[in-house]
Amino acid sequence: MILLPGGYSLCRMSSNESIPSWVFSSAFYTISKSADELSIIAESNLVPAEIKAESGWCILKIEQTLDLALTGITAKFSTALAAAGVNLCVIATYDTDYIMVKQEKLSVAIGALQQAGFIVNA
């Protein structure tokens, strides 16, 4: 795993709002839309003050392509983090997974992941 540089925010907007242009300036971002909300994860320094957001997140990337037929990867890292008292948000993409942890729990998270057999380059 590698630690992405920078701090990230999880933003909540109304489902009828358009995707704001500031999102596309983020080195990493993800957008999810449902009937209930528009959620955006982006670099914290780009998020305007008027946006409802929770900041202070770090993102760890699993540094390999994960076959979509694999099972148990998310369970392995989420179980290790839960046992260490670390809350997380998981972002799944076609090729890999990203793990969001709060900045203040980063060192605990890295230790728990390493103990579970993951190599973490932070």
PDB file of N, CA and C in Angstrom:
ATOM      1  N   MET A   1       0.846  -1.181   0.000  1.00  0.00           N
ATOM      2  CA  MET A   1       0.000   0.000   0.000  1.00  0.00           C
ATOM      3  C   MET A   1       0.882   1.232   0.000  1.00  0.00           C
ATOM      4  N   ILE A   2       0.354   2.272  -0.602  1.00  0.00           N
ATOM      5  CA  ILE A   2       1.047   3.562  -0.563  1.00  0.00           C
ATOM      6  C   ILE A   2       0.095   4.624  -0.020  1.00  0.00           C
ATOM      7  N   LEU A   3       0.670   5.594   0.667  1.00  0.00           N
ATOM      8  CA  LEU A   3      -0.095   6.713   1.196  1.00  0.00           C
ATOM      9  C   LEU A   3      -0.121   7.815   0.150  1.00  0.00           C
ATOM     10  N   LEU A   4      -1.314   8.211  -0.262  1.00  0.00           N
ATOM     11  CA  LEU A   4      -1.427   9.328  -1.199  1.00  0.00           C
ATOM     12  C   LEU A   4      -1.074  10.619  -0.468  1.00  0.00           C
ATOM     13  N   PRO A   5      -0.377  11.533  -1.131  1.00  0.00           N
ATOM     14  CA  PRO A   5      -0.028  12.797  -0.476  1.00  0.00           C
ATOM     15  C   PRO A   5      -1.263  13.669  -0.249  1.00  0.00           C
ATOM     16  N   GLY A   6      -1.204  14.482   0.782  1.00  0.00           N
ATOM     17  CA  GLY A   6      -2.273  15.438   1.037  1.00  0.00           C
ATOM     18  C   GLY A   6      -3.343  14.904   1.956  1.00  0.00           C
ATOM     19  N   GLY A   7      -4.210  15.813   2.353  1.00  0.00           N
ATOM     20  CA  GLY A   7      -5.356  15.478   3.182  1.00  0.00           C
ATOM     21  C   GLY A   7      -6.624  15.530   2.350  1.00  0.00           C
ATOM     22  N   TYR A   8      -7.602  14.743   2.737  1.00  0.00           N
ATOM     23  CA  TYR A   8      -8.825  14.615   1.946  1.00  0.00           C
ATOM     24  C   TYR A   8     -10.067  14.881   2.783  1.00  0.00           C
ATOM     25  N   SER A   9     -11.128  15.270   2.108  1.00  0.00           N
ATOM     26  CA  SER A   9     -12.423  15.524   2.742  1.00  0.00           C
ATOM     27  C   SER A   9     -13.493  14.678   2.078  1.00  0.00           C
ATOM     28  N   LEU A  10     -14.449  14.267   2.883  1.00  0.00           N
ATOM     29  CA  LEU A  10     -15.636  13.575   2.400  1.00  0.00           C
ATOM     30  C   LEU A  10     -16.764  14.589   2.444  1.00  0.00           C
ATOM     31  N   CYS A  11     -17.278  14.935   1.273  1.00  0.00           N
ATOM     32  CA  CYS A  11     -18.265  16.012   1.132  1.00  0.00           C
ATOM     33  C   CYS A  11     -19.640  15.450   0.818  1.00  0.00           C
ATOM     34  N   ARG A  12     -20.662  16.120   1.363  1.00  0.00           N
ATOM     35  CA  ARG A  12     -22.041  15.736   1.067  1.00  0.00           C
ATOM     36  C   ARG A  12     -22.769  16.926   0.484  1.00  0.00           C
ATOM     37  N   MET A  13     -23.391  16.681  -0.652  1.00  0.00           N
ATOM     38  CA  MET A  13     -24.177  17.713  -1.306  1.00  0.00           C
ATOM     39  C   MET A  13     -25.551  17.128  -1.640  1.00  0.00           C
ATOM     40  N   SER A  14     -26.457  17.974  -2.028  1.00  0.00           N
ATOM     41  CA  SER A  14     -27.786  17.529  -2.420  1.00  0.00           C
ATOM     42  C   SER A  14     -27.706  16.754  -3.736  1.00  0.00           C
ATOM     43  N   SER A  15     -28.558  15.760  -3.877  1.00  0.00           N
ATOM     44  CA  SER A  15     -28.534  14.925  -5.081  1.00  0.00           C
ATOM     45  C   SER A  15     -28.895  15.692  -6.349  1.00  0.00           C
ATOM     46  N   ASN A  16     -29.522  16.849  -6.208  1.00  0.00           N
ATOM     47  CA  ASN A  16     -29.892  17.615  -7.404  1.00  0.00           C
ATOM     48  C   ASN A  16     -28.832  18.642  -7.800  1.00  0.00           C
ATOM     49  N   GLU A  17     -27.733  18.714  -7.042  1.00  0.00           N
ATOM     50  CA  GLU A  17     -26.661  19.658  -7.373  1.00  0.00           C
ATOM     51  C   GLU A  17     -25.763  19.078  -8.457  1.00  0.00           C
ATOM     52  N   SER A  18     -25.152  19.960  -9.211  1.00  0.00           N
ATOM     53  CA  SER A  18     -24.185  19.550 -10.231  1.00  0.00           C
ATOM     54  C   SER A  18     -22.825  19.312  -9.589  1.00  0.00           C
ATOM     55  N   ILE A  19     -22.012  18.526 -10.248  1.00  0.00           N
ATOM     56  CA  ILE A  19     -20.655  18.292  -9.765  1.00  0.00           C
ATOM     57  C   ILE A  19     -19.886  19.602  -9.923  1.00  0.00           C
ATOM     58  N   PRO A  20     -19.340  20.128  -8.824  1.00  0.00           N
ATOM     59  CA  PRO A  20     -18.637  21.409  -8.908  1.00  0.00           C
ATOM     60  C   PRO A  20     -17.286  21.272  -9.602  1.00  0.00           C
ATOM     61  N   SER A  21     -16.872  22.316 -10.279  1.00  0.00           N
ATOM     62  CA  SER A  21     -15.645  22.269 -11.084  1.00  0.00           C
ATOM     63  C   SER A  21     -14.385  22.115 -10.248  1.00  0.00           C
ATOM     64  N   TRP A  22     -14.379  22.560  -8.970  1.00  0.00           N
ATOM     65  CA  TRP A  22     -13.184  22.443  -8.143  1.00  0.00           C
ATOM     66  C   TRP A  22     -12.757  20.997  -7.933  1.00  0.00           C
ATOM     67  N   VAL A  23     -13.701  20.067  -8.032  1.00  0.00           N
ATOM     68  CA  VAL A  23     -13.393  18.639  -7.841  1.00  0.00           C
ATOM     69  C   VAL A  23     -12.307  18.178  -8.805  1.00  0.00           C
ATOM     70  N   PHE A  24     -12.375  18.640 -10.028  1.00  0.00           N
ATOM     71  CA  PHE A  24     -11.495  18.138 -11.084  1.00  0.00           C
ATOM     72  C   PHE A  24     -10.049  18.614 -10.947  1.00  0.00           C
ATOM     73  N   SER A  25      -9.796  19.516 -10.015  1.00  0.00           N
ATOM     74  CA  SER A  25      -8.428  19.954  -9.736  1.00  0.00           C
ATOM     75  C   SER A  25      -7.723  19.048  -8.727  1.00  0.00           C
ATOM     76  N   SER A  26      -8.458  18.170  -8.089  1.00  0.00           N
ATOM     77  CA  SER A  26      -7.885  17.288  -7.075  1.00  0.00           C
ATOM     78  C   SER A  26      -7.050  16.195  -7.735  1.00  0.00           C
ATOM     79  N   ALA A  27      -5.909  15.874  -7.120  1.00  0.00           N
ATOM     80  CA  ALA A  27      -5.040  14.807  -7.644  1.00  0.00           C
ATOM     81  C   ALA A  27      -5.755  13.463  -7.617  1.00  0.00           C
ATOM     82  N   PHE A  28      -6.619  13.270  -6.647  1.00  0.00           N
ATOM     83  CA  PHE A  28      -7.461  12.080  -6.536  1.00  0.00           C
ATOM     84  C   PHE A  28      -8.844  12.569  -6.144  1.00  0.00           C
ATOM     85  N   TYR A  29      -9.851  12.047  -6.793  1.00  0.00           N
ATOM     86  CA  TYR A  29     -11.219  12.339  -6.377  1.00  0.00           C
ATOM     87  C   TYR A  29     -12.110  11.186  -6.771  1.00  0.00           C
ATOM     88  N   THR A  30     -13.211  11.086  -6.077  1.00  0.00           N
ATOM     89  CA  THR A  30     -14.235  10.119  -6.442  1.00  0.00           C
ATOM     90  C   THR A  30     -15.589  10.766  -6.192  1.00  0.00           C
ATOM     91  N   ILE A  31     -16.550  10.398  -7.021  1.00  0.00           N
ATOM     92  CA  ILE A  31     -17.877  10.989  -6.971  1.00  0.00           C
ATOM     93  C   ILE A  31     -18.900   9.864  -6.960  1.00  0.00           C
ATOM     94  N   SER A  32     -19.845   9.937  -6.031  1.00  0.00           N
ATOM     95  CA  SER A  32     -20.951   8.979  -5.986  1.00  0.00           C
ATOM     96  C   SER A  32     -22.251   9.766  -5.898  1.00  0.00           C
ATOM     97  N   LYS A  33     -23.227   9.330  -6.674  1.00  0.00           N
ATOM     98  CA  LYS A  33     -24.520  10.002  -6.646  1.00  0.00           C
ATOM     99  C   LYS A  33     -25.606   8.956  -6.471  1.00  0.00           C
ATOM    100  N   SER A  34     -26.549   9.277  -5.587  1.00  0.00           N
ATOM    101  CA  SER A  34     -27.721   8.435  -5.392  1.00  0.00           C
ATOM    102  C   SER A  34     -28.948   9.343  -5.374  1.00  0.00           C
ATOM    103  N   ALA A  35     -30.090   8.774  -5.166  1.00  0.00           N
ATOM    104  CA  ALA A  35     -31.304   9.590  -5.065  1.00  0.00           C
ATOM    105  C   ALA A  35     -31.256  10.488  -3.835  1.00  0.00           C
ATOM    106  N   ASP A  36     -30.440  10.122  -2.853  1.00  0.00           N
ATOM    107  CA  ASP A  36     -30.397  10.848  -1.588  1.00  0.00           C
ATOM    108  C   ASP A  36     -29.304  11.903  -1.487  1.00  0.00           C
ATOM    109  N   GLU A  37     -28.197  11.713  -2.207  1.00  0.00           N
ATOM    110  CA  GLU A  37     -27.069  12.619  -2.022  1.00  0.00           C
ATOM    111  C   GLU A  37     -26.067  12.533  -3.170  1.00  0.00           C
ATOM    112  N   LEU A  38     -25.219  13.545  -3.197  1.00  0.00           N
ATOM    113  CA  LEU A  38     -24.035  13.573  -4.048  1.00  0.00           C
ATOM    114  C   LEU A  38     -22.856  13.595  -3.080  1.00  0.00           C
ATOM    115  N   SER A  39     -22.028  12.559  -3.107  1.00  0.00           N
ATOM    116  CA  SER A  39     -20.861  12.482  -2.228  1.00  0.00           C
ATOM    117  C   SER A  39     -19.601  12.630  -3.057  1.00  0.00           C
ATOM    118  N   ILE A  40     -18.688  13.437  -2.542  1.00  0.00           N
ATOM    119  CA  ILE A  40     -17.434  13.697  -3.245  1.00  0.00           C
ATOM    120  C   ILE A  40     -16.289  13.544  -2.251  1.00  0.00           C
ATOM    121  N   ILE A  41     -15.249  12.861  -2.665  1.00  0.00           N
ATOM    122  CA  ILE A  41     -14.006  12.804  -1.907  1.00  0.00           C
ATOM    123  C   ILE A  41     -12.975  13.523  -2.754  1.00  0.00           C
ATOM    124  N   ALA A  42     -12.326  14.528  -2.155  1.00  0.00           N
ATOM    125  CA  ALA A  42     -11.341  15.336  -2.872  1.00  0.00           C
ATOM    126  C   ALA A  42     -10.376  15.936  -1.858  1.00  0.00           C
ATOM    127  N   GLU A  43      -9.294  16.521  -2.379  1.00  0.00           N
ATOM    128  CA  GLU A  43      -8.318  17.163  -1.511  1.00  0.00           C
ATOM    129  C   GLU A  43      -8.985  18.273  -0.701  1.00  0.00           C
ATOM    130  N   SER A  44      -8.716  18.277   0.587  1.00  0.00           N
ATOM    131  CA  SER A  44      -9.367  19.219   1.505  1.00  0.00           C
ATOM    132  C   SER A  44      -9.126  20.677   1.143  1.00  0.00           C
ATOM    133  N   ASN A  45      -7.937  20.997   0.659  1.00  0.00           N
ATOM    134  CA  ASN A  45      -7.623  22.400   0.364  1.00  0.00           C
ATOM    135  C   ASN A  45      -8.456  22.957  -0.789  1.00  0.00           C
ATOM    136  N   LEU A  46      -9.142  22.122  -1.522  1.00  0.00           N
ATOM    137  CA  LEU A  46      -9.968  22.577  -2.636  1.00  0.00           C
ATOM    138  C   LEU A  46     -11.433  22.769  -2.263  1.00  0.00           C
ATOM    139  N   VAL A  47     -11.855  22.230  -1.128  1.00  0.00           N
ATOM    140  CA  VAL A  47     -13.268  22.231  -0.750  1.00  0.00           C
ATOM    141  C   VAL A  47     -13.668  23.597  -0.183  1.00  0.00           C
ATOM    142  N   PRO A  48     -14.623  24.261  -0.807  1.00  0.00           N
ATOM    143  CA  PRO A  48     -15.082  25.564  -0.296  1.00  0.00           C
ATOM    144  C   PRO A  48     -15.715  25.422   1.093  1.00  0.00           C
ATOM    145  N   ALA A  49     -15.592  26.458   1.888  1.00  0.00           N
ATOM    146  CA  ALA A  49     -16.070  26.452   3.271  1.00  0.00           C
ATOM    147  C   ALA A  49     -17.569  26.178   3.384  1.00  0.00           C
ATOM    148  N   GLU A  50     -18.336  26.563   2.374  1.00  0.00           N
ATOM    149  CA  GLU A  50     -19.790  26.399   2.469  1.00  0.00           C
ATOM    150  C   GLU A  50     -20.269  24.964   2.187  1.00  0.00           C
ATOM    151  N   ILE A  51     -19.363  24.086   1.787  1.00  0.00           N
ATOM    152  CA  ILE A  51     -19.714  22.693   1.499  1.00  0.00           C
ATOM    153  C   ILE A  51     -19.706  21.895   2.790  1.00  0.00           C
ATOM    154  N   LYS A  52     -20.756  21.096   3.024  1.00  0.00           N
ATOM    155  CA  LYS A  52     -20.777  20.198   4.187  1.00  0.00           C
ATOM    156  C   LYS A  52     -19.720  19.129   3.951  1.00  0.00           C
ATOM    157  N   ALA A  53     -18.724  19.068   4.838  1.00  0.00           N
ATOM    158  CA  ALA A  53     -17.612  18.142   4.621  1.00  0.00           C
ATOM    159  C   ALA A  53     -16.999  17.720   5.942  1.00  0.00           C
ATOM    160  N   GLU A  54     -16.470  16.519   5.954  1.00  0.00           N
ATOM    161  CA  GLU A  54     -15.653  16.050   7.065  1.00  0.00           C
ATOM    162  C   GLU A  54     -14.240  15.905   6.539  1.00  0.00           C
ATOM    163  N   SER A  55     -13.347  16.681   7.129  1.00  0.00           N
ATOM    164  CA  SER A  55     -11.950  16.700   6.682  1.00  0.00           C
ATOM    165  C   SER A  55     -11.097  15.830   7.601  1.00  0.00           C
ATOM    166  N   GLY A  56      -9.796  15.788   7.290  1.00  0.00           N
ATOM    167  CA  GLY A  56      -8.860  15.058   8.141  1.00  0.00           C
ATOM    168  C   GLY A  56      -8.664  13.608   7.748  1.00  0.00           C
ATOM    169  N   TRP A  57      -8.973  13.273   6.513  1.00  0.00           N
ATOM    170  CA  TRP A  57      -8.808  11.895   6.041  1.00  0.00           C
ATOM    171  C   TRP A  57      -7.494  11.749   5.270  1.00  0.00           C
ATOM    172  N   CYS A  58      -6.891  10.582   5.395  1.00  0.00           N
ATOM    173  CA  CYS A  58      -5.736  10.169   4.575  1.00  0.00           C
ATOM    174  C   CYS A  58      -6.204   9.005   3.718  1.00  0.00           C
ATOM    175  N   ILE A  59      -5.549   8.799   2.593  1.00  0.00           N
ATOM    176  CA  ILE A  59      -5.938   7.708   1.706  1.00  0.00           C
ATOM    177  C   ILE A  59      -4.747   6.796   1.443  1.00  0.00           C
ATOM    178  N   LEU A  60      -4.969   5.500   1.675  1.00  0.00           N
ATOM    179  CA  LEU A  60      -3.997   4.462   1.353  1.00  0.00           C
ATOM    180  C   LEU A  60      -4.491   3.702   0.126  1.00  0.00           C
ATOM    181  N   LYS A  61      -3.618   3.510  -0.826  1.00  0.00           N
ATOM    182  CA  LYS A  61      -3.962   2.798  -2.062  1.00  0.00           C
ATOM    183  C   LYS A  61      -3.340   1.404  -2.032  1.00  0.00           C
ATOM    184  N   ILE A  62      -4.137   0.391  -2.314  1.00  0.00           N
ATOM    185  CA  ILE A  62      -3.575  -0.949  -2.494  1.00  0.00           C
ATOM    186  C   ILE A  62      -2.847  -0.922  -3.827  1.00  0.00           C
ATOM    187  N   GLU A  63      -1.552  -1.144  -3.762  1.00  0.00           N
ATOM    188  CA  GLU A  63      -0.688  -0.917  -4.915  1.00  0.00           C
ATOM    189  C   GLU A  63      -0.542  -2.156  -5.785  1.00  0.00           C
ATOM    190  N   GLN A  64      -1.665  -2.695  -6.210  1.00  0.00           N
ATOM    191  CA  GLN A  64      -1.669  -3.774  -7.175  1.00  0.00           C
ATOM    192  C   GLN A  64      -3.059  -3.861  -7.784  1.00  0.00           C
ATOM    193  N   THR A  65      -3.122  -4.441  -8.965  1.00  0.00           N
ATOM    194  CA  THR A  65      -4.409  -4.645  -9.597  1.00  0.00           C
ATOM    195  C   THR A  65      -5.064  -5.848  -8.943  1.00  0.00           C
ATOM    196  N   LEU A  66      -6.292  -5.661  -8.487  1.00  0.00           N
ATOM    197  CA  LEU A  66      -7.032  -6.733  -7.835  1.00  0.00           C
ATOM    198  C   LEU A  66      -8.034  -7.314  -8.817  1.00  0.00           C
ATOM    199  N   ASP A  67      -7.907  -8.597  -9.074  1.00  0.00           N
ATOM    200  CA  ASP A  67      -8.847  -9.294  -9.947  1.00  0.00           C
ATOM    201  C   ASP A  67     -10.238  -9.198  -9.323  1.00  0.00           C
ATOM    202  N   LEU A  68     -11.229  -8.891 -10.114  1.00  0.00           N
ATOM    203  CA  LEU A  68     -12.585  -8.726  -9.600  1.00  0.00           C
ATOM    204  C   LEU A  68     -13.160 -10.025  -9.032  1.00  0.00           C
ATOM    205  N   ALA A  69     -12.541 -11.173  -9.333  1.00  0.00           N
ATOM    206  CA  ALA A  69     -13.008 -12.451  -8.806  1.00  0.00           C
ATOM    207  C   ALA A  69     -12.448 -12.752  -7.417  1.00  0.00           C
ATOM    208  N   LEU A  70     -11.477 -11.950  -6.945  1.00  0.00           N
ATOM    209  CA  LEU A  70     -10.889 -12.176  -5.627  1.00  0.00           C
ATOM    210  C   LEU A  70     -11.925 -11.931  -4.534  1.00  0.00           C
ATOM    211  N   THR A  71     -11.831 -12.708  -3.472  1.00  0.00           N
ATOM    212  CA  THR A  71     -12.706 -12.506  -2.326  1.00  0.00           C
ATOM    213  C   THR A  71     -11.866 -12.334  -1.061  1.00  0.00           C
ATOM    214  N   GLY A  72     -12.383 -11.582  -0.132  1.00  0.00           N
ATOM    215  CA  GLY A  72     -11.764 -11.474   1.175  1.00  0.00           C
ATOM    216  C   GLY A  72     -10.741 -10.377   1.364  1.00  0.00           C
ATOM    217  N   ILE A  73     -10.373  -9.641   0.316  1.00  0.00           N
ATOM    218  CA  ILE A  73      -9.366  -8.583   0.461  1.00  0.00           C
ATOM    219  C   ILE A  73      -9.881  -7.490   1.398  1.00  0.00           C
ATOM    220  N   THR A  74     -11.079  -7.007   1.140  1.00  0.00           N
ATOM    221  CA  THR A  74     -11.654  -5.959   1.979  1.00  0.00           C
ATOM    222  C   THR A  74     -11.830  -6.456   3.412  1.00  0.00           C
ATOM    223  N   ALA A  75     -12.250  -7.695   3.564  1.00  0.00           N
ATOM    224  CA  ALA A  75     -12.419  -8.264   4.908  1.00  0.00           C
ATOM    225  C   ALA A  75     -11.089  -8.307   5.647  1.00  0.00           C
ATOM    226  N   LYS A  76     -10.011  -8.628   4.951  1.00  0.00           N
ATOM    227  CA  LYS A  76      -8.707  -8.735   5.610  1.00  0.00           C
ATOM    228  C   LYS A  76      -8.261  -7.391   6.178  1.00  0.00           C
ATOM    229  N   PHE A  77      -8.322  -6.327   5.361  1.00  0.00           N
ATOM    230  CA  PHE A  77      -7.860  -5.049   5.900  1.00  0.00           C
ATOM    231  C   PHE A  77      -8.873  -4.402   6.832  1.00  0.00           C
ATOM    232  N   SER A  78     -10.155  -4.575   6.582  1.00  0.00           N
ATOM    233  CA  SER A  78     -11.148  -3.950   7.461  1.00  0.00           C
ATOM    234  C   SER A  78     -11.192  -4.640   8.826  1.00  0.00           C
ATOM    235  N   THR A  79     -10.982  -5.942   8.868  1.00  0.00           N
ATOM    236  CA  THR A  79     -10.940  -6.660  10.141  1.00  0.00           C
ATOM    237  C   THR A  79      -9.742  -6.209  10.970  1.00  0.00           C
ATOM    238  N   ALA A  80      -8.579  -6.083  10.323  1.00  0.00           N
ATOM    239  CA  ALA A  80      -7.373  -5.631  11.030  1.00  0.00           C
ATOM    240  C   ALA A  80      -7.566  -4.220  11.584  1.00  0.00           C
ATOM    241  N   LEU A  81      -8.164  -3.340  10.798  1.00  0.00           N
ATOM    242  CA  LEU A  81      -8.378  -1.968  11.244  1.00  0.00           C
ATOM    243  C   LEU A  81      -9.441  -1.896  12.336  1.00  0.00           C
ATOM    244  N   ALA A  82     -10.500  -2.675  12.215  1.00  0.00           N
ATOM    245  CA  ALA A  82     -11.540  -2.688  13.252  1.00  0.00           C
ATOM    246  C   ALA A  82     -10.968  -3.173  14.580  1.00  0.00           C
ATOM    247  N   ALA A  83     -10.136  -4.199  14.541  1.00  0.00           N
ATOM    248  CA  ALA A  83      -9.530  -4.728  15.762  1.00  0.00           C
ATOM    249  C   ALA A  83      -8.631  -3.686  16.428  1.00  0.00           C
ATOM    250  N   ALA A  84      -8.065  -2.783  15.629  1.00  0.00           N
ATOM    251  CA  ALA A  84      -7.200  -1.727  16.159  1.00  0.00           C
ATOM    252  C   ALA A  84      -7.979  -0.457  16.518  1.00  0.00           C
ATOM    253  N   GLY A  85      -9.301  -0.472  16.328  1.00  0.00           N
ATOM    254  CA  GLY A  85     -10.127   0.686  16.657  1.00  0.00           C
ATOM    255  C   GLY A  85     -10.051   1.812  15.644  1.00  0.00           C
ATOM    256  N   VAL A  86      -9.772   1.458  14.395  1.00  0.00           N
ATOM    257  CA  VAL A  86      -9.641   2.466  13.335  1.00  0.00           C
ATOM    258  C   VAL A  86     -10.873   2.399  12.436  1.00  0.00           C
ATOM    259  N   ASN A  87     -11.618   3.518  12.367  1.00  0.00           N
ATOM    260  CA  ASN A  87     -12.740   3.569  11.427  1.00  0.00           C
ATOM    261  C   ASN A  87     -12.191   3.843  10.025  1.00  0.00           C
ATOM    262  N   LEU A  88     -12.927   3.433   9.014  1.00  0.00           N
ATOM    263  CA  LEU A  88     -12.453   3.590   7.652  1.00  0.00           C
ATOM    264  C   LEU A  88     -13.606   3.799   6.689  1.00  0.00           C
ATOM    265  N   CYS A  89     -13.263   4.304   5.536  1.00  0.00           N
ATOM    266  CA  CYS A  89     -14.146   4.343   4.377  1.00  0.00           C
ATOM    267  C   CYS A  89     -13.383   3.645   3.259  1.00  0.00           C
ATOM    268  N   VAL A  90     -14.052   2.781   2.537  1.00  0.00           N
ATOM    269  CA  VAL A  90     -13.419   2.038   1.449  1.00  0.00           C
ATOM    270  C   VAL A  90     -13.911   2.592   0.122  1.00  0.00           C
ATOM    271  N   ILE A  91     -12.981   2.799  -0.784  1.00  0.00           N
ATOM    272  CA  ILE A  91     -13.307   3.229  -2.143  1.00  0.00           C
ATOM    273  C   ILE A  91     -12.841   2.102  -3.065  1.00  0.00           C
ATOM    274  N   ALA A  92     -13.756   1.536  -3.801  1.00  0.00           N
ATOM    275  CA  ALA A  92     -13.406   0.467  -4.736  1.00  0.00           C
ATOM    276  C   ALA A  92     -13.445   1.014  -6.153  1.00  0.00           C
ATOM    277  N   THR A  93     -12.404   0.695  -6.924  1.00  0.00           N
ATOM    278  CA  THR A  93     -12.384   1.027  -8.338  1.00  0.00           C
ATOM    279  C   THR A  93     -12.283  -0.279  -9.124  1.00  0.00           C
ATOM    280  N   TYR A  94     -12.288  -0.189 -10.412  1.00  0.00           N
ATOM    281  CA  TYR A  94     -12.191  -1.391 -11.238  1.00  0.00           C
ATOM    282  C   TYR A  94     -10.912  -2.161 -10.943  1.00  0.00           C
ATOM    283  N   ASP A  95      -9.799  -1.452 -10.787  1.00  0.00           N
ATOM    284  CA  ASP A  95      -8.508  -2.108 -10.629  1.00  0.00           C
ATOM    285  C   ASP A  95      -8.089  -2.375  -9.191  1.00  0.00           C
ATOM    286  N   THR A  96      -8.475  -1.522  -8.244  1.00  0.00           N
ATOM    287  CA  THR A  96      -7.936  -1.679  -6.893  1.00  0.00           C
ATOM    288  C   THR A  96      -8.866  -1.060  -5.863  1.00  0.00           C
ATOM    289  N   ASP A  97      -8.425  -1.052  -4.611  1.00  0.00           N
ATOM    290  CA  ASP A  97      -9.170  -0.439  -3.516  1.00  0.00           C
ATOM    291  C   ASP A  97      -8.327   0.650  -2.872  1.00  0.00           C
ATOM    292  N   TYR A  98      -9.015   1.614  -2.289  1.00  0.00           N
ATOM    293  CA  TYR A  98      -8.397   2.689  -1.528  1.00  0.00           C
ATOM    294  C   TYR A  98      -9.040   2.670  -0.146  1.00  0.00           C
ATOM    295  N   ILE A  99      -8.235   2.950   0.870  1.00  0.00           N
ATOM    296  CA  ILE A  99      -8.725   2.946   2.238  1.00  0.00           C
ATOM    297  C   ILE A  99      -8.544   4.343   2.816  1.00  0.00           C
ATOM    298  N   MET A 100      -9.641   4.936   3.264  1.00  0.00           N
ATOM    299  CA  MET A 100      -9.573   6.235   3.920  1.00  0.00           C
ATOM    300  C   MET A 100      -9.573   6.017   5.424  1.00  0.00           C
ATOM    301  N   VAL A 101      -8.596   6.631   6.110  1.00  0.00           N
ATOM    302  CA  VAL A 101      -8.547   6.607   7.567  1.00  0.00           C
ATOM    303  C   VAL A 101      -8.319   8.030   8.052  1.00  0.00           C
ATOM    304  N   LYS A 102      -8.763   8.305   9.241  1.00  0.00           N
ATOM    305  CA  LYS A 102      -8.569   9.637   9.800  1.00  0.00           C
ATOM    306  C   LYS A 102      -7.088   9.860  10.097  1.00  0.00           C
ATOM    307  N   GLN A 103      -6.634  11.083   9.876  1.00  0.00           N
ATOM    308  CA  GLN A 103      -5.227  11.455  10.072  1.00  0.00           C
ATOM    309  C   GLN A 103      -4.727  11.056  11.454  1.00  0.00           C
ATOM    310  N   GLU A 104      -5.535  11.291  12.481  1.00  0.00           N
ATOM    311  CA  GLU A 104      -5.081  11.006  13.837  1.00  0.00           C
ATOM    312  C   GLU A 104      -4.947   9.510  14.126  1.00  0.00           C
ATOM    313  N   LYS A 105      -5.494   8.667  13.269  1.00  0.00           N
ATOM    314  CA  LYS A 105      -5.396   7.213  13.432  1.00  0.00           C
ATOM    315  C   LYS A 105      -4.440   6.578  12.418  1.00  0.00           C
ATOM    316  N   LEU A 106      -3.760   7.392  11.619  1.00  0.00           N
ATOM    317  CA  LEU A 106      -2.929   6.863  10.544  1.00  0.00           C
ATOM    318  C   LEU A 106      -1.836   5.926  11.049  1.00  0.00           C
ATOM    319  N   SER A 107      -1.102   6.315  12.069  1.00  0.00           N
ATOM    320  CA  SER A 107      -0.012   5.463  12.546  1.00  0.00           C
ATOM    321  C   SER A 107      -0.542   4.150  13.114  1.00  0.00           C
ATOM    322  N   VAL A 108      -1.674   4.191  13.802  1.00  0.00           N
ATOM    323  CA  VAL A 108      -2.303   2.971  14.312  1.00  0.00           C
ATOM    324  C   VAL A 108      -2.745   2.089  13.140  1.00  0.00           C
ATOM    325  N   ALA A 109      -3.328   2.712  12.123  1.00  0.00           N
ATOM    326  CA  ALA A 109      -3.788   1.973  10.946  1.00  0.00           C
ATOM    327  C   ALA A 109      -2.628   1.293  10.237  1.00  0.00           C
ATOM    328  N   ILE A 110      -1.539   2.020  10.053  1.00  0.00           N
ATOM    329  CA  ILE A 110      -0.373   1.444   9.371  1.00  0.00           C
ATOM    330  C   ILE A 110       0.165   0.252  10.162  1.00  0.00           C
ATOM    331  N   GLY A 111       0.271   0.401  11.471  1.00  0.00           N
ATOM    332  CA  GLY A 111       0.732  -0.703  12.304  1.00  0.00           C
ATOM    333  C   GLY A 111      -0.169  -1.927  12.204  1.00  0.00           C
ATOM    334  N   ALA A 112      -1.477  -1.712  12.245  1.00  0.00           N
ATOM    335  CA  ALA A 112      -2.430  -2.819  12.155  1.00  0.00           C
ATOM    336  C   ALA A 112      -2.363  -3.499  10.791  1.00  0.00           C
ATOM    337  N   LEU A 113      -2.223  -2.708   9.741  1.00  0.00           N
ATOM    338  CA  LEU A 113      -2.129  -3.286   8.391  1.00  0.00           C
ATOM    339  C   LEU A 113      -0.842  -4.079   8.227  1.00  0.00           C
ATOM    340  N   GLN A 114       0.265  -3.562   8.750  1.00  0.00           N
ATOM    341  CA  GLN A 114       1.527  -4.282   8.671  1.00  0.00           C
ATOM    342  C   GLN A 114       1.463  -5.581   9.455  1.00  0.00           C
ATOM    343  N   GLN A 115       0.838  -5.540  10.611  1.00  0.00           N
ATOM    344  CA  GLN A 115       0.676  -6.749  11.434  1.00  0.00           C
ATOM    345  C   GLN A 115      -0.178  -7.783  10.708  1.00  0.00           C
ATOM    346  N   ALA A 116      -1.103  -7.324   9.863  1.00  0.00           N
ATOM    347  CA  ALA A 116      -1.974  -8.229   9.104  1.00  0.00           C
ATOM    348  C   ALA A 116      -1.295  -8.736   7.827  1.00  0.00           C
ATOM    349  N   GLY A 117      -0.054  -8.298   7.590  1.00  0.00           N
ATOM    350  CA  GLY A 117       0.688  -8.796   6.433  1.00  0.00           C
ATOM    351  C   GLY A 117       0.772  -7.879   5.243  1.00  0.00           C
ATOM    352  N   PHE A 118       0.205  -6.686   5.360  1.00  0.00           N
ATOM    353  CA  PHE A 118       0.288  -5.725   4.263  1.00  0.00           C
ATOM    354  C   PHE A 118       1.600  -4.945   4.364  1.00  0.00           C
ATOM    355  N   ILE A 119       2.190  -4.641   3.218  1.00  0.00           N
ATOM    356  CA  ILE A 119       3.355  -3.774   3.171  1.00  0.00           C
ATOM    357  C   ILE A 119       2.838  -2.362   2.918  1.00  0.00           C
ATOM    358  N   VAL A 120       3.196  -1.443   3.826  1.00  0.00           N
ATOM    359  CA  VAL A 120       2.695  -0.067   3.720  1.00  0.00           C
ATOM    360  C   VAL A 120       3.883   0.870   3.561  1.00  0.00           C
ATOM    361  N   ASN A 121       3.896   1.614   2.461  1.00  0.00           N
ATOM    362  CA  ASN A 121       4.906   2.638   2.216  1.00  0.00           C
ATOM    363  C   ASN A 121       4.274   3.990   2.452  1.00  0.00           C
ATOM    364  N   ALA A 122       4.595   4.584   3.590  1.00  0.00           N
ATOM    365  CA  ALA A 122       3.974   5.869   3.936  1.00  0.00           C
ATOM    366  C   ALA A 122       4.985   6.978   3.954  1.00  0.00           C
TER     367      ALA A 122
END
